[in-house]
Amino acid sequence: MPSYLPILLTFLAAAFMVGAALGLSALISPRTRMTEEKQMPFECGNRPFEEPGKRFPVHFYTVAILFIVFDIEVVFLYPWAAAFGELGKYGFFAAMFFVAVLFFGLVYEWARGGLEWH
């Protein structure tokens, strides 16, 4: 139990700081009445002409996830390129397998039409 004491004290200190910040904010914040005009969405001084919260098509998220996957690929290839000389043939073939898997995934998604923007 004594080895967990610093963790418990850290959690207690964090909880105290959060409580103190919320309490202080509630005490010194200005009290204003909310009117109908204040609750209107503000867009450059104009009244909104359509309701916010349009739905995005699922295709948008698919393209976003693909972008993240291939962006992460580049992040993993930087350390490999930095240590290329030390890794030898095993490191080279491991990285080529990694790139091949992602390449075939890209070809599959392209053939399926996942990269077409409608």
Protein backbone atom coordinates (compact mmCIF):
# COMPACT_ATOMS: atom_id res chain seq x y z
CA MET A 1 0.00 0.00 0.00
CA PRO A 2 2.77 2.54 0.70
CA SER A 3 3.96 2.30 -2.90
CA TYR A 4 0.54 3.54 -4.10
CA LEU A 5 0.55 6.54 -1.75
CA PRO A 6 2.18 8.97 -4.26
CA ILE A 7 -0.41 8.02 -6.91
CA LEU A 8 -3.26 8.54 -4.45
CA LEU A 9 -1.84 11.91 -3.40
CA THR A 10 -1.53 12.95 -7.04
CA PHE A 11 -5.17 12.08 -7.71
CA LEU A 12 -6.27 13.94 -4.58
CA ALA A 13 -4.25 17.02 -5.57
CA ALA A 14 -5.70 16.94 -9.08
CA ALA A 15 -9.25 16.58 -7.74
CA PHE A 16 -8.69 19.48 -5.34
CA MET A 17 -7.33 21.70 -8.13
CA VAL A 18 -10.26 20.90 -10.41
CA GLY A 19 -12.75 21.54 -7.63
CA ALA A 20 -11.02 24.79 -6.67
CA ALA A 21 -10.99 26.00 -10.29
CA LEU A 22 -14.68 25.19 -10.78
CA GLY A 23 -15.64 26.74 -7.45
CA LEU A 24 -13.64 29.90 -8.07
CA SER A 25 -15.13 30.20 -11.53
CA ALA A 26 -18.65 29.91 -10.12
CA LEU A 27 -17.90 32.56 -7.49
CA ILE A 28 -16.31 35.25 -9.63
CA SER A 29 -18.04 34.76 -12.99
CA PRO A 30 -20.47 37.47 -14.06
CA ARG A 31 -24.15 36.67 -13.77
CA THR A 32 -26.03 37.55 -16.96
CA ARG A 33 -29.57 36.83 -18.01
CA MET A 34 -29.93 34.84 -21.19
CA THR A 35 -32.25 36.48 -23.68
CA GLU A 36 -33.60 35.04 -26.91
CA GLU A 37 -31.28 37.27 -28.89
CA LYS A 38 -28.23 36.10 -26.96
CA GLN A 39 -29.10 32.48 -27.63
CA MET A 40 -29.22 33.01 -31.41
CA PRO A 41 -26.24 31.58 -33.33
CA PHE A 42 -23.92 34.33 -34.48
CA GLU A 43 -22.48 34.13 -37.97
CA CYS A 44 -20.76 37.33 -39.05
CA GLY A 45 -23.72 39.47 -37.96
CA ASN A 46 -26.21 37.65 -40.20
CA ARG A 47 -29.11 35.53 -39.12
CA PRO A 48 -28.56 31.90 -40.14
CA PHE A 49 -30.55 30.85 -43.19
CA GLU A 50 -30.43 27.10 -42.54
CA GLU A 51 -30.23 24.86 -39.52
CA PRO A 52 -26.72 23.88 -38.40
CA GLY A 53 -25.74 20.26 -38.02
CA LYS A 54 -25.87 18.94 -41.56
CA ARG A 55 -24.94 15.29 -41.81
CA PHE A 56 -21.77 14.38 -43.61
CA PRO A 57 -21.90 11.40 -45.94
CA VAL A 58 -20.18 8.22 -44.77
CA HIS A 59 -17.84 8.53 -47.75
CA PHE A 60 -16.29 11.63 -46.15
CA TYR A 61 -15.25 9.60 -43.11
CA THR A 62 -13.93 6.76 -45.26
CA VAL A 63 -11.62 9.12 -47.12
CA ALA A 64 -10.54 10.71 -43.83
CA ILE A 65 -9.65 7.33 -42.31
CA LEU A 66 -7.72 6.35 -45.44
CA PHE A 67 -5.79 9.61 -45.24
CA ILE A 68 -4.89 8.92 -41.61
CA VAL A 69 -3.80 5.34 -42.40
CA PHE A 70 -1.44 6.42 -45.16
CA ASP A 71 -0.21 9.37 -43.12
CA ILE A 72 0.71 7.01 -40.28
CA GLU A 73 2.54 4.83 -42.82
CA VAL A 74 4.89 7.70 -43.52
CA VAL A 75 5.42 8.26 -39.79
CA PHE A 76 6.48 4.61 -39.39
CA LEU A 77 8.83 4.79 -42.37
CA TYR A 78 10.88 7.72 -41.00
CA PRO A 79 12.61 5.73 -38.23
CA TRP A 80 13.15 2.87 -40.68
CA ALA A 81 14.85 5.24 -43.11
CA ALA A 82 17.01 6.68 -40.31
CA ALA A 83 18.23 3.23 -39.26
CA PHE A 84 18.31 1.71 -42.75
CA GLY A 85 22.03 0.84 -42.66
CA GLU A 86 21.84 -0.92 -39.29
CA LEU A 87 18.77 -3.07 -40.06
CA GLY A 88 20.20 -5.00 -42.98
CA LYS A 89 18.21 -7.28 -45.24
CA TYR A 90 15.70 -8.25 -42.55
CA GLY A 91 14.79 -4.61 -41.93
CA PHE A 92 14.49 -3.95 -45.64
CA PHE A 93 12.16 -6.90 -46.28
CA ALA A 94 10.09 -6.15 -43.18
CA ALA A 95 9.55 -2.57 -44.37
CA MET A 96 8.76 -3.74 -47.90
CA PHE A 97 6.17 -6.17 -46.50
CA PHE A 98 4.64 -3.28 -44.53
CA VAL A 99 4.53 -1.09 -47.64
CA ALA A 100 3.15 -3.96 -49.77
CA VAL A 101 0.26 -4.59 -47.37
CA LEU A 102 -0.67 -0.92 -47.43
CA PHE A 103 -0.19 -0.76 -51.21
CA PHE A 104 -2.59 -3.65 -51.78
CA GLY A 105 -5.04 -2.01 -49.41
CA LEU A 106 -4.81 1.17 -51.46
CA VAL A 107 -5.30 -0.73 -54.73
CA TYR A 108 -8.32 -2.52 -53.27
CA GLU A 109 -9.87 0.73 -52.07
CA TRP A 110 -9.19 2.40 -55.41
CA ALA A 111 -10.75 -0.51 -57.35
CA ARG A 112 -13.77 -0.42 -55.05
CA GLY A 113 -14.24 3.29 -55.78
CA GLY A 114 -13.50 4.45 -52.25
CA LEU A 115 -11.33 7.31 -53.45
CA GLU A 116 -13.90 8.78 -55.85
CA TRP A 117 -15.37 12.01 -54.58
CA HIS A 118 -19.03 12.33 -55.57
